[in-house]
Structure formats: structure tokens, C-alpha cells
Amino acid sequence: MSTRQIALAAAFLAIVFIAHASGRIFQIGGAQLAPSIAIYVLMALLMAPGLGWGPLVGIALGVGILTMVATSSPFPLANIPAHGGAFLLSAYMAKKAAPEGQEMGLGAIVLNVGVTLLVSWTLFALFTWLGLASTPFAGNEWARFGFSFGSGFIAWWLFGFIGVAIPTFIIGLILTPLLYKAVRPALVRQGMLAAG
């Protein structure tokens, strides 16, 4: 990684932290809105095509730790595999969609956001459930919009998917493509990204 790439990654990681901390306002039943996903997907879209897996694993660890520190969820450690792992998946998809740093189309960006969010939520839900399995959390009845999902892991997954993952996806669907189209040309002009 060059000095410029390190500085760019550090700036993105700071924004990921701020975005995730802002999601604390919308903490719903053990999960919170995660606008940070839109930011770390943007970071993967922009940076992953030009980086090796060593630096990307380091960035993923940073994403996981920062979202863990910024969270209001009852099992913060779940953020490390959920968001760190989702960043690596997003980076893998970005490398496939934009070999040699080519510009990505809207379809590839939306697919990346959607798959990354689904995996992130599933990992977060699973690790939260495992981490809180011996607490009253696991015995909760999960309901949303007047509809009861019952109890158990699948009910918790559905409860959070509808109340947290879908709104987070809408945020990512709007922010990520807009920011990608706005930020990428400036970073290419400044020599921080290679033009594919």
C-alpha cells in the first residue's frame, strides 16, 4: 500500500466509525441501523481492485473493530465477523466486477451492496444469537408491524431483517452509487486510484 492509499483507507475507516455510531440512534431490539455498510462497500468498490489481500484483511479488521466500538448492540463482538467479513466479501466482488480498476456499472454496485448487506446481517444475527444464547435475549418473542415472528433464531433474523437490514439497504442503495460516481473521478485525478 502506498502512503496515499493508507491515508485514503484511514479516512474511510474514520467515516465508517462515525456512520456506525450515528446508527445508535436507531437501535431496535438488539440491532441498529448500519449506514456504515454503505461506506465500507464504497471503500471496497474504490480500493479493492488495486490492493492485495494482505492490506484488505487489515482494512477488514479495522472495519470490524471500529463498528464494534461504535455499536449499541448487546453483543458488540458480533460486529467483527459481520462487518469485517462483509467487507472482504464486498472487496472480492469488487475485484471481480472491476478488474484492473475499471469503472463499475450501477448493476454491479447495487448487487455488491445487496449481497454484502445480506451476509453482514446474517453473520451479525448469528454471532449475536450465539453470544447471547444463555441470556433472556434468546427467549424473546419477536414481533414487528403487528406481526409476530415467534421466538428463536429465525424469528430474530426476520425481525432484524425487516426492521434494520431493509432500511440499511435503502440507505446503501441511494448513497453508495451516488458517492462512487462522485468520488471515483476525483480520486483518479489525484492519482489515488488507477484509471482502468
N, C-alpha and C. Protein backbone atom coordinates (compact mmCIF):
# COMPACT_ATOMS: atom_id res chain seq x y z
N MET A 1 0.84 -1.19 0.00
CA MET A 1 0.00 0.00 0.00
C MET A 1 0.88 1.25 0.00
N SER A 2 0.52 2.19 -0.83
CA SER A 2 1.24 3.46 -0.85
C SER A 2 0.77 4.34 0.32
N THR A 3 1.51 5.40 0.56
CA THR A 3 1.13 6.34 1.62
C THR A 3 -0.24 6.94 1.34
N ARG A 4 -0.51 7.25 0.07
CA ARG A 4 -1.81 7.81 -0.29
C ARG A 4 -2.94 6.81 -0.05
N GLN A 5 -2.70 5.55 -0.36
CA GLN A 5 -3.73 4.53 -0.13
C GLN A 5 -3.98 4.34 1.36
N ILE A 6 -2.92 4.39 2.16
CA ILE A 6 -3.08 4.28 3.62
C ILE A 6 -3.91 5.45 4.14
N ALA A 7 -3.60 6.65 3.66
CA ALA A 7 -4.35 7.83 4.10
C ALA A 7 -5.82 7.72 3.68
N LEU A 8 -6.05 7.24 2.45
CA LEU A 8 -7.43 7.08 1.97
C LEU A 8 -8.18 6.05 2.81
N ALA A 9 -7.53 4.92 3.09
CA ALA A 9 -8.17 3.89 3.93
C ALA A 9 -8.47 4.42 5.32
N ALA A 10 -7.54 5.18 5.89
CA ALA A 10 -7.75 5.75 7.23
C ALA A 10 -8.93 6.72 7.23
N ALA A 11 -9.04 7.53 6.17
CA ALA A 11 -10.16 8.47 6.08
C ALA A 11 -11.48 7.71 5.98
N PHE A 12 -11.51 6.67 5.14
CA PHE A 12 -12.73 5.87 5.02
C PHE A 12 -13.08 5.19 6.35
N LEU A 13 -12.08 4.66 7.04
CA LEU A 13 -12.34 3.99 8.32
C LEU A 13 -12.91 4.96 9.35
N ALA A 14 -12.42 6.19 9.35
CA ALA A 14 -12.98 7.20 10.25
C ALA A 14 -14.45 7.47 9.93
N ILE A 15 -14.78 7.52 8.64
CA ILE A 15 -16.18 7.75 8.25
C ILE A 15 -17.04 6.54 8.60
N VAL A 16 -16.48 5.32 8.44
CA VAL A 16 -17.21 4.11 8.84
C VAL A 16 -17.57 4.19 10.33
N PHE A 17 -16.61 4.59 11.15
CA PHE A 17 -16.85 4.70 12.60
C PHE A 17 -17.97 5.71 12.88
N ILE A 18 -17.87 6.88 12.28
CA ILE A 18 -18.88 7.93 12.51
C ILE A 18 -20.25 7.47 12.03
N ALA A 19 -20.29 6.84 10.84
CA ALA A 19 -21.57 6.37 10.30
C ALA A 19 -22.18 5.30 11.18
N HIS A 20 -21.34 4.40 11.70
CA HIS A 20 -21.89 3.34 12.55
C HIS A 20 -22.36 3.90 13.89
N ALA A 21 -21.59 4.82 14.44
CA ALA A 21 -22.00 5.45 15.70
C ALA A 21 -23.32 6.20 15.52
N SER A 22 -23.53 6.80 14.35
CA SER A 22 -24.79 7.51 14.11
C SER A 22 -25.98 6.56 14.09
N GLY A 23 -25.74 5.31 13.74
CA GLY A 23 -26.81 4.32 13.72
C GLY A 23 -27.32 3.95 15.10
N ARG A 24 -26.59 4.32 16.14
CA ARG A 24 -27.03 4.02 17.52
C ARG A 24 -28.37 4.66 17.83
N ILE A 25 -28.68 5.74 17.13
CA ILE A 25 -29.95 6.43 17.35
C ILE A 25 -31.11 5.50 17.05
N PHE A 26 -30.90 4.59 16.09
CA PHE A 26 -31.97 3.70 15.64
C PHE A 26 -31.71 2.27 16.08
N GLN A 27 -31.46 2.07 17.37
CA GLN A 27 -31.24 0.74 17.93
C GLN A 27 -32.60 0.09 18.14
N ILE A 28 -32.81 -1.07 17.53
CA ILE A 28 -34.12 -1.72 17.56
C ILE A 28 -33.94 -3.18 18.00
N GLY A 29 -34.28 -3.48 19.22
CA GLY A 29 -34.31 -4.87 19.67
C GLY A 29 -33.01 -5.63 19.55
N GLY A 30 -31.89 -5.00 19.75
CA GLY A 30 -30.61 -5.70 19.69
C GLY A 30 -29.83 -5.47 18.41
N ALA A 31 -30.39 -4.71 17.48
CA ALA A 31 -29.68 -4.39 16.24
C ALA A 31 -29.86 -2.90 15.96
N GLN A 32 -28.96 -2.35 15.20
CA GLN A 32 -29.05 -0.92 14.90
C GLN A 32 -28.90 -0.71 13.41
N LEU A 33 -29.46 0.39 12.95
CA LEU A 33 -29.28 0.79 11.56
C LEU A 33 -27.78 0.91 11.29
N ALA A 34 -27.34 0.50 10.11
CA ALA A 34 -25.90 0.47 9.82
C ALA A 34 -25.56 1.20 8.52
N PRO A 35 -25.64 2.55 8.53
CA PRO A 35 -25.22 3.28 7.33
C PRO A 35 -23.74 3.09 7.02
N SER A 36 -22.99 2.56 8.00
CA SER A 36 -21.57 2.27 7.79
C SER A 36 -21.37 1.28 6.65
N ILE A 37 -22.36 0.41 6.40
CA ILE A 37 -22.21 -0.57 5.31
C ILE A 37 -22.06 0.15 3.97
N ALA A 38 -22.84 1.20 3.76
CA ALA A 38 -22.72 1.96 2.51
C ALA A 38 -21.31 2.51 2.35
N ILE A 39 -20.67 2.90 3.45
CA ILE A 39 -19.34 3.49 3.39
C ILE A 39 -18.28 2.42 3.17
N TYR A 40 -18.36 1.30 3.89
CA TYR A 40 -17.30 0.31 3.67
C TYR A 40 -17.47 -0.43 2.35
N VAL A 41 -18.68 -0.51 1.82
CA VAL A 41 -18.83 -1.03 0.46
C VAL A 41 -18.21 -0.05 -0.53
N LEU A 42 -18.44 1.24 -0.34
CA LEU A 42 -17.81 2.25 -1.20
C LEU A 42 -16.29 2.11 -1.15
N MET A 43 -15.73 1.93 0.05
CA MET A 43 -14.29 1.75 0.19
C MET A 43 -13.82 0.52 -0.58
N ALA A 44 -14.58 -0.57 -0.48
CA ALA A 44 -14.21 -1.79 -1.22
C ALA A 44 -14.29 -1.56 -2.73
N LEU A 45 -15.36 -0.91 -3.18
CA LEU A 45 -15.52 -0.66 -4.61
C LEU A 45 -14.36 0.16 -5.17
N LEU A 46 -13.92 1.15 -4.41
CA LEU A 46 -12.87 2.05 -4.87
C LEU A 46 -11.47 1.45 -4.71
N MET A 47 -11.22 0.82 -3.57
CA MET A 47 -9.85 0.44 -3.24
C MET A 47 -9.50 -1.01 -3.54
N ALA A 48 -10.45 -1.93 -3.39
CA ALA A 48 -10.12 -3.35 -3.50
C ALA A 48 -9.52 -3.75 -4.85
N PRO A 49 -10.01 -3.22 -5.99
CA PRO A 49 -9.41 -3.65 -7.26
C PRO A 49 -7.90 -3.38 -7.35
N GLY A 50 -7.39 -2.41 -6.62
CA GLY A 50 -5.98 -2.08 -6.70
C GLY A 50 -5.14 -2.56 -5.53
N LEU A 51 -5.74 -3.30 -4.60
CA LEU A 51 -5.00 -3.76 -3.41
C LEU A 51 -4.92 -5.28 -3.36
N GLY A 52 -3.87 -5.78 -2.71
CA GLY A 52 -3.74 -7.20 -2.45
C GLY A 52 -4.56 -7.59 -1.23
N TRP A 53 -4.61 -8.90 -0.99
CA TRP A 53 -5.45 -9.39 0.10
C TRP A 53 -4.88 -9.09 1.49
N GLY A 54 -3.58 -8.93 1.61
CA GLY A 54 -3.00 -8.57 2.92
C GLY A 54 -3.54 -7.25 3.44
N PRO A 55 -3.41 -6.16 2.67
CA PRO A 55 -3.98 -4.89 3.13
C PRO A 55 -5.50 -4.95 3.30
N LEU A 56 -6.18 -5.70 2.43
CA LEU A 56 -7.65 -5.78 2.55
C LEU A 56 -8.07 -6.48 3.83
N VAL A 57 -7.32 -7.50 4.24
CA VAL A 57 -7.63 -8.17 5.52
C VAL A 57 -7.40 -7.20 6.68
N GLY A 58 -6.34 -6.40 6.59
CA GLY A 58 -6.09 -5.38 7.63
C GLY A 58 -7.21 -4.37 7.70
N ILE A 59 -7.69 -3.91 6.53
CA ILE A 59 -8.81 -2.97 6.50
C ILE A 59 -10.06 -3.63 7.07
N ALA A 60 -10.30 -4.89 6.73
CA ALA A 60 -11.47 -5.62 7.24
C ALA A 60 -11.44 -5.69 8.77
N LEU A 61 -10.27 -5.95 9.31
CA LEU A 61 -10.13 -6.00 10.77
C LEU A 61 -10.44 -4.63 11.37
N GLY A 62 -9.95 -3.57 10.71
CA GLY A 62 -10.26 -2.21 11.16
C GLY A 62 -11.75 -1.92 11.12
N VAL A 63 -12.41 -2.34 10.03
CA VAL A 63 -13.87 -2.16 9.91
C VAL A 63 -14.57 -2.88 11.06
N GLY A 64 -14.19 -4.13 11.31
CA GLY A 64 -14.82 -4.91 12.37
C GLY A 64 -14.64 -4.30 13.75
N ILE A 65 -13.41 -3.88 14.05
CA ILE A 65 -13.13 -3.31 15.38
C ILE A 65 -13.84 -1.96 15.56
N LEU A 66 -13.79 -1.12 14.54
CA LEU A 66 -14.43 0.20 14.66
C LEU A 66 -15.95 0.10 14.79
N THR A 67 -16.57 -0.82 14.04
CA THR A 67 -18.02 -0.98 14.19
C THR A 67 -18.36 -1.59 15.55
N MET A 68 -17.47 -2.44 16.07
CA MET A 68 -17.69 -3.00 17.41
C MET A 68 -17.66 -1.89 18.46
N VAL A 69 -16.69 -0.99 18.36
CA VAL A 69 -16.56 0.10 19.34
C VAL A 69 -17.73 1.08 19.22
N ALA A 70 -18.21 1.28 18.00
CA ALA A 70 -19.26 2.28 17.76
C ALA A 70 -20.67 1.77 17.99
N THR A 71 -20.83 0.47 18.22
CA THR A 71 -22.17 -0.11 18.26
C THR A 71 -22.88 0.10 19.59
N SER A 72 -24.20 -0.04 19.53
CA SER A 72 -25.01 -0.06 20.75
C SER A 72 -25.65 -1.43 20.93
N SER A 73 -25.26 -2.39 20.09
CA SER A 73 -25.87 -3.71 20.17
C SER A 73 -25.44 -4.43 21.44
N PRO A 74 -26.24 -5.38 21.92
CA PRO A 74 -25.94 -6.02 23.20
C PRO A 74 -24.78 -7.02 23.14
N PHE A 75 -24.31 -7.39 21.95
CA PHE A 75 -23.15 -8.27 21.82
C PHE A 75 -22.20 -7.66 20.78
N PRO A 76 -21.41 -6.68 21.20
CA PRO A 76 -20.57 -5.92 20.26
C PRO A 76 -19.61 -6.76 19.42
N LEU A 77 -19.10 -7.87 19.97
CA LEU A 77 -18.14 -8.69 19.24
C LEU A 77 -18.70 -9.22 17.91
N ALA A 78 -20.01 -9.31 17.79
CA ALA A 78 -20.61 -9.80 16.55
C ALA A 78 -20.27 -8.90 15.37
N ASN A 79 -19.91 -7.65 15.63
CA ASN A 79 -19.57 -6.73 14.55
C ASN A 79 -18.29 -7.10 13.82
N ILE A 80 -17.37 -7.76 14.50
CA ILE A 80 -16.09 -8.08 13.86
C ILE A 80 -16.30 -9.08 12.72
N PRO A 81 -16.91 -10.25 12.96
CA PRO A 81 -17.13 -11.14 11.81
C PRO A 81 -18.17 -10.60 10.84
N ALA A 82 -19.19 -9.91 11.35
CA ALA A 82 -20.26 -9.43 10.48
C ALA A 82 -19.77 -8.37 9.51
N HIS A 83 -19.16 -7.32 10.02
CA HIS A 83 -18.76 -6.21 9.16
C HIS A 83 -17.38 -6.43 8.54
N GLY A 84 -16.47 -7.03 9.30
CA GLY A 84 -15.16 -7.36 8.72
C GLY A 84 -15.30 -8.39 7.60
N GLY A 85 -16.08 -9.43 7.86
CA GLY A 85 -16.31 -10.46 6.83
C GLY A 85 -17.06 -9.92 5.64
N ALA A 86 -18.05 -9.07 5.88
CA ALA A 86 -18.82 -8.49 4.78
C ALA A 86 -17.95 -7.57 3.94
N PHE A 87 -17.02 -6.85 4.57
CA PHE A 87 -16.10 -6.01 3.80
C PHE A 87 -15.27 -6.87 2.86
N LEU A 88 -14.76 -8.01 3.35
CA LEU A 88 -13.95 -8.89 2.49
C LEU A 88 -14.77 -9.44 1.33
N LEU A 89 -16.03 -9.79 1.59
CA LEU A 89 -16.90 -10.24 0.50
C LEU A 89 -17.10 -9.13 -0.52
N SER A 90 -17.35 -7.91 -0.04
CA SER A 90 -17.53 -6.78 -0.92
C SER A 90 -16.27 -6.54 -1.74
N ALA A 91 -15.11 -6.66 -1.12
CA ALA A 91 -13.83 -6.48 -1.82
C ALA A 91 -13.66 -7.54 -2.90
N TYR A 92 -14.00 -8.79 -2.58
CA TYR A 92 -13.91 -9.87 -3.56
C TYR A 92 -14.80 -9.58 -4.77
N MET A 93 -16.04 -9.17 -4.52
CA MET A 93 -16.96 -8.87 -5.62
C MET A 93 -16.47 -7.67 -6.43
N ALA A 94 -15.87 -6.67 -5.74
CA ALA A 94 -15.35 -5.50 -6.45
C ALA A 94 -14.19 -5.89 -7.36
N LYS A 95 -13.32 -6.78 -6.88
CA LYS A 95 -12.19 -7.24 -7.70
C LYS A 95 -12.70 -7.96 -8.95
N LYS A 96 -13.76 -8.74 -8.80
CA LYS A 96 -14.32 -9.47 -9.94
C LYS A 96 -15.04 -8.54 -10.92
N ALA A 97 -15.73 -7.53 -10.38
CA ALA A 97 -16.53 -6.63 -11.23
C ALA A 97 -15.69 -5.56 -11.91
N ALA A 98 -14.53 -5.24 -11.33
CA ALA A 98 -13.71 -4.15 -11.87
C ALA A 98 -12.24 -4.57 -11.95
N PRO A 99 -11.94 -5.58 -12.78
CA PRO A 99 -10.53 -5.97 -12.90
C PRO A 99 -9.70 -4.79 -13.40
N GLU A 100 -8.53 -4.65 -12.78
CA GLU A 100 -7.61 -3.56 -13.14
C GLU A 100 -8.23 -2.18 -12.90
N GLY A 101 -9.17 -2.08 -11.98
CA GLY A 101 -9.72 -0.79 -11.58
C GLY A 101 -10.67 -0.15 -12.56
N GLN A 102 -11.27 -0.94 -13.43
CA GLN A 102 -12.25 -0.38 -14.36
C GLN A 102 -13.43 0.20 -13.59
N GLU A 103 -14.11 1.17 -14.21
CA GLU A 103 -15.28 1.76 -13.56
C GLU A 103 -16.42 0.74 -13.55
N MET A 104 -17.13 0.68 -12.43
CA MET A 104 -18.25 -0.26 -12.28
C MET A 104 -19.54 0.39 -12.71
N GLY A 105 -20.42 -0.45 -13.24
CA GLY A 105 -21.75 0.00 -13.59
C GLY A 105 -22.69 -0.04 -12.39
N LEU A 106 -23.84 0.55 -12.55
CA LEU A 106 -24.82 0.62 -11.47
C LEU A 106 -25.25 -0.76 -11.00
N GLY A 107 -25.46 -1.68 -11.93
CA GLY A 107 -25.90 -3.03 -11.56
C GLY A 107 -24.91 -3.73 -10.64
N ALA A 108 -23.61 -3.63 -10.95
CA ALA A 108 -22.58 -4.26 -10.12
C ALA A 108 -22.53 -3.63 -8.74
N ILE A 109 -22.73 -2.32 -8.66
CA ILE A 109 -22.71 -1.63 -7.37
C ILE A 109 -23.90 -2.06 -6.52
N VAL A 110 -25.08 -2.08 -7.11
CA VAL A 110 -26.29 -2.46 -6.37
C VAL A 110 -26.20 -3.91 -5.92
N LEU A 111 -25.71 -4.80 -6.78
CA LEU A 111 -25.54 -6.21 -6.40
C LEU A 111 -24.57 -6.33 -5.24
N ASN A 112 -23.48 -5.59 -5.29
CA ASN A 112 -22.49 -5.63 -4.21
C ASN A 112 -23.12 -5.18 -2.90
N VAL A 113 -23.83 -4.07 -2.92
CA VAL A 113 -24.48 -3.56 -1.71
C VAL A 113 -25.47 -4.59 -1.16
N GLY A 114 -26.30 -5.15 -2.03
CA GLY A 114 -27.32 -6.10 -1.58
C GLY A 114 -26.75 -7.37 -0.98
N VAL A 115 -25.79 -7.98 -1.67
CA VAL A 115 -25.20 -9.23 -1.17
C VAL A 115 -24.42 -8.97 0.10
N THR A 116 -23.65 -7.88 0.12
CA THR A 116 -22.87 -7.54 1.31
C THR A 116 -23.78 -7.33 2.52
N LEU A 117 -24.87 -6.62 2.32
CA LEU A 117 -25.79 -6.37 3.43
C LEU A 117 -26.42 -7.67 3.94
N LEU A 118 -26.85 -8.52 3.03
CA LEU A 118 -27.47 -9.79 3.43
C LEU A 118 -26.49 -10.65 4.24
N VAL A 119 -25.26 -10.73 3.78
CA VAL A 119 -24.26 -11.52 4.51
C VAL A 119 -23.92 -10.86 5.84
N SER A 120 -23.76 -9.54 5.84
CA SER A 120 -23.45 -8.83 7.07
C SER A 120 -24.55 -9.05 8.12
N TRP A 121 -25.81 -8.86 7.71
CA TRP A 121 -26.89 -9.04 8.67
C TRP A 121 -26.96 -10.48 9.18
N THR A 122 -26.78 -11.45 8.29
CA THR A 122 -26.86 -12.86 8.69
C THR A 122 -25.74 -13.20 9.67
N LEU A 123 -24.53 -12.75 9.39
CA LEU A 123 -23.42 -13.01 10.31
C LEU A 123 -23.64 -12.29 11.65
N PHE A 124 -24.11 -11.04 11.58
CA PHE A 124 -24.36 -10.30 12.82
C PHE A 124 -25.44 -11.01 13.65
N ALA A 125 -26.53 -11.40 13.00
CA ALA A 125 -27.62 -12.07 13.70
C ALA A 125 -27.14 -13.38 14.32
N LEU A 126 -26.36 -14.16 13.57
CA LEU A 126 -25.88 -15.45 14.06
C LEU A 126 -24.95 -15.27 15.26
N PHE A 127 -23.95 -14.41 15.13
CA PHE A 127 -22.99 -14.25 16.22
C PHE A 127 -23.62 -13.58 17.44
N THR A 128 -24.57 -12.68 17.23
CA THR A 128 -25.29 -12.09 18.37
C THR A 128 -26.09 -13.17 19.08
N TRP A 129 -26.77 -14.00 18.29
CA TRP A 129 -27.58 -15.07 18.87
C TRP A 129 -26.71 -16.04 19.67
N LEU A 130 -25.58 -16.44 19.09
CA LEU A 130 -24.68 -17.36 19.80
C LEU A 130 -24.10 -16.70 21.05
N GLY A 131 -23.77 -15.42 20.95
CA GLY A 131 -23.19 -14.72 22.10
C GLY A 131 -24.17 -14.48 23.23
N LEU A 132 -25.45 -14.42 22.90
CA LEU A 132 -26.48 -14.14 23.92
C LEU A 132 -27.39 -15.33 24.18
N ALA A 133 -26.99 -16.51 23.70
CA ALA A 133 -27.85 -17.69 23.79
C ALA A 133 -28.23 -18.06 25.23
N SER A 134 -27.37 -17.75 26.18
CA SER A 134 -27.66 -18.12 27.57
C SER A 134 -28.28 -16.97 28.37
N THR A 135 -28.76 -15.95 27.67
CA THR A 135 -29.36 -14.79 28.33
C THR A 135 -30.85 -14.73 28.00
N PRO A 136 -31.60 -13.87 28.68
CA PRO A 136 -33.02 -13.71 28.36
C PRO A 136 -33.28 -13.28 26.90
N PHE A 137 -32.29 -12.69 26.25
CA PHE A 137 -32.42 -12.26 24.86
C PHE A 137 -32.93 -13.41 23.98
N ALA A 138 -32.38 -14.60 24.18
CA ALA A 138 -32.73 -15.75 23.34
C ALA A 138 -34.17 -16.21 23.55
N GLY A 139 -34.80 -15.81 24.64
CA GLY A 139 -36.17 -16.21 24.89
C GLY A 139 -37.21 -15.20 24.43
N ASN A 140 -36.75 -14.11 23.84
CA ASN A 140 -37.68 -13.06 23.40
C ASN A 140 -38.64 -13.56 22.33
N GLU A 141 -39.83 -12.96 22.35
CA GLU A 141 -40.79 -13.12 21.25
C GLU A 141 -40.57 -11.93 20.33
N TRP A 142 -40.37 -12.18 19.04
CA TRP A 142 -40.03 -11.12 18.10
C TRP A 142 -41.23 -10.76 17.25
N ALA A 143 -41.60 -9.48 17.27
CA ALA A 143 -42.76 -9.01 16.51
C ALA A 143 -42.45 -7.65 15.90
N ARG A 144 -43.02 -7.41 14.72
CA ARG A 144 -42.85 -6.13 14.05
C ARG A 144 -44.09 -5.85 13.22
N PHE A 145 -44.53 -4.59 13.23
CA PHE A 145 -45.68 -4.15 12.45
C PHE A 145 -46.93 -5.00 12.74
N GLY A 146 -47.08 -5.37 14.01
CA GLY A 146 -48.25 -6.14 14.42
C GLY A 146 -48.20 -7.61 14.04
N PHE A 147 -47.08 -8.07 13.49
CA PHE A 147 -46.96 -9.47 13.09
C PHE A 147 -45.92 -10.14 13.97
N SER A 148 -46.29 -11.25 14.59
CA SER A 148 -45.37 -11.97 15.47
C SER A 148 -44.59 -13.02 14.67
N PHE A 149 -43.27 -12.98 14.82
CA PHE A 149 -42.41 -13.98 14.18
C PHE A 149 -42.17 -15.17 15.10
N GLY A 150 -42.56 -15.03 16.36
CA GLY A 150 -42.33 -16.09 17.33
C GLY A 150 -41.00 -15.89 18.03
N SER A 151 -40.40 -16.99 18.46
CA SER A 151 -39.11 -16.91 19.15
C SER A 151 -38.11 -17.78 18.39
N GLY A 152 -36.87 -17.71 18.80
CA GLY A 152 -35.82 -18.49 18.15
C GLY A 152 -35.03 -17.66 17.15
N PHE A 153 -33.98 -18.28 16.62
CA PHE A 153 -33.05 -17.56 15.75
C PHE A 153 -33.71 -17.05 14.47
N ILE A 154 -34.50 -17.86 13.80
CA ILE A 154 -35.13 -17.44 12.54
C ILE A 154 -36.04 -16.24 12.78
N ALA A 155 -36.77 -16.26 13.90
CA ALA A 155 -37.64 -15.13 14.23
C ALA A 155 -36.82 -13.87 14.46
N TRP A 156 -35.71 -14.00 15.18
CA TRP A 156 -34.81 -12.86 15.42
C TRP A 156 -34.23 -12.36 14.10
N TRP A 157 -33.82 -13.28 13.22
CA TRP A 157 -33.25 -12.89 11.92
C TRP A 157 -34.28 -12.10 11.11
N LEU A 158 -35.52 -12.59 11.04
CA LEU A 158 -36.58 -11.91 10.28
C LEU A 158 -36.92 -10.56 10.89
N PHE A 159 -37.04 -10.53 12.21
CA PHE A 159 -37.33 -9.28 12.92
C PHE A 159 -36.31 -8.20 12.56
N GLY A 160 -35.04 -8.55 12.63
CA GLY A 160 -33.99 -7.58 12.33
C GLY A 160 -33.87 -7.30 10.85
N PHE A 161 -34.11 -8.30 10.02
CA PHE A 161 -34.01 -8.09 8.58
C PHE A 161 -35.03 -7.06 8.12
N ILE A 162 -36.25 -7.19 8.60
CA ILE A 162 -37.32 -6.26 8.21
C ILE A 162 -37.10 -4.88 8.82
N GLY A 163 -36.71 -4.84 10.09
CA GLY A 163 -36.63 -3.56 10.78
C GLY A 163 -35.31 -2.83 10.63
N VAL A 164 -34.23 -3.56 10.34
CA VAL A 164 -32.90 -2.95 10.31
C VAL A 164 -32.22 -3.13 8.95
N ALA A 165 -32.19 -4.36 8.45
CA ALA A 165 -31.46 -4.63 7.20
C ALA A 165 -32.10 -3.95 6.00
N ILE A 166 -33.42 -4.00 5.89
CA ILE A 166 -34.07 -3.37 4.73
C ILE A 166 -33.87 -1.85 4.72
N PRO A 167 -34.10 -1.14 5.86
CA PRO A 167 -33.80 0.30 5.84
C PRO A 167 -32.32 0.60 5.55
N THR A 168 -31.42 -0.24 6.07
CA THR A 168 -29.99 -0.06 5.80
C THR A 168 -29.71 -0.25 4.31
N PHE A 169 -30.38 -1.23 3.69
CA PHE A 169 -30.20 -1.46 2.25
C PHE A 169 -30.66 -0.25 1.44
N ILE A 170 -31.78 0.33 1.85
CA ILE A 170 -32.28 1.52 1.13
C ILE A 170 -31.26 2.66 1.21
N ILE A 171 -30.66 2.84 2.39
CA ILE A 171 -29.61 3.86 2.54
C ILE A 171 -28.44 3.56 1.60
N GLY A 172 -27.99 2.30 1.61
CA GLY A 172 -26.87 1.90 0.76
C GLY A 172 -27.20 2.01 -0.71
N LEU A 173 -28.42 1.68 -1.07
CA LEU A 173 -28.87 1.74 -2.46
C LEU A 173 -28.81 3.17 -3.00
N ILE A 174 -29.06 4.13 -2.13
CA ILE A 174 -29.03 5.54 -2.54
C ILE A 174 -27.60 6.09 -2.45
N LEU A 175 -26.96 5.92 -1.30
CA LEU A 175 -25.66 6.55 -1.05
C LEU A 175 -24.51 5.97 -1.86
N THR A 176 -24.40 4.66 -1.89
CA THR A 176 -23.20 4.05 -2.47
C THR A 176 -23.00 4.39 -3.94
N PRO A 177 -24.00 4.20 -4.82
CA PRO A 177 -23.78 4.56 -6.22
C PRO A 177 -23.51 6.06 -6.42
N LEU A 178 -24.23 6.90 -5.67
CA LEU A 178 -24.01 8.35 -5.80
C LEU A 178 -22.60 8.74 -5.40
N LEU A 179 -22.15 8.22 -4.26
CA LEU A 179 -20.81 8.55 -3.79
C LEU A 179 -19.74 7.97 -4.70
N TYR A 180 -19.96 6.76 -5.20
CA TYR A 180 -18.99 6.13 -6.11
C TYR A 180 -18.79 6.99 -7.35
N LYS A 181 -19.90 7.41 -7.95
CA LYS A 181 -19.83 8.22 -9.17
C LYS A 181 -19.23 9.60 -8.90
N ALA A 182 -19.43 10.13 -7.69
CA ALA A 182 -18.91 11.45 -7.35
C ALA A 182 -17.44 11.41 -6.93
N VAL A 183 -17.06 10.39 -6.17
CA VAL A 183 -15.74 10.35 -5.55
C VAL A 183 -14.67 9.73 -6.47
N ARG A 184 -15.03 8.70 -7.21
CA ARG A 184 -14.03 7.98 -8.01
C ARG A 184 -13.27 8.89 -8.98
N PRO A 185 -13.96 9.74 -9.78
CA PRO A 185 -13.19 10.59 -10.70
C PRO A 185 -12.19 11.51 -10.00
N ALA A 186 -12.56 12.03 -8.84
CA ALA A 186 -11.65 12.91 -8.09
C ALA A 186 -10.43 12.14 -7.60
N LEU A 187 -10.64 10.91 -7.13
CA LEU A 187 -9.52 10.10 -6.64
C LEU A 187 -8.61 9.67 -7.78
N VAL A 188 -9.19 9.41 -8.95
CA VAL A 188 -8.37 9.07 -10.12
C VAL A 188 -7.53 10.28 -10.54
N ARG A 189 -8.16 11.46 -10.57
CA ARG A 189 -7.43 12.69 -10.95
C ARG A 189 -6.26 12.97 -10.00
N GLN A 190 -6.46 12.67 -8.72
CA GLN A 190 -5.41 12.94 -7.73
C GLN A 190 -4.37 11.83 -7.66
N GLY A 191 -4.54 10.80 -8.48
CA GLY A 191 -3.58 9.70 -8.51
C GLY A 191 -3.72 8.73 -7.36
N MET A 192 -4.82 8.78 -6.63
CA MET A 192 -5.02 7.85 -5.51
C MET A 192 -5.59 6.52 -5.96
N LEU A 193 -6.22 6.53 -7.15
CA LEU A 193 -6.74 5.30 -7.75
C LEU A 193 -6.25 5.24 -9.20
N ALA A 194 -5.99 4.03 -9.64
CA ALA A 194 -5.60 3.86 -11.05
C ALA A 194 -6.85 3.93 -11.92
N ALA A 195 -6.73 4.55 -13.06
CA ALA A 195 -7.84 4.60 -14.01
C ALA A 195 -7.81 3.34 -14.85
N GLY A 196 -8.89 2.56 -14.80
CA GLY A 196 -8.94 1.31 -15.54
C GLY A 196 -9.48 1.51 -16.93
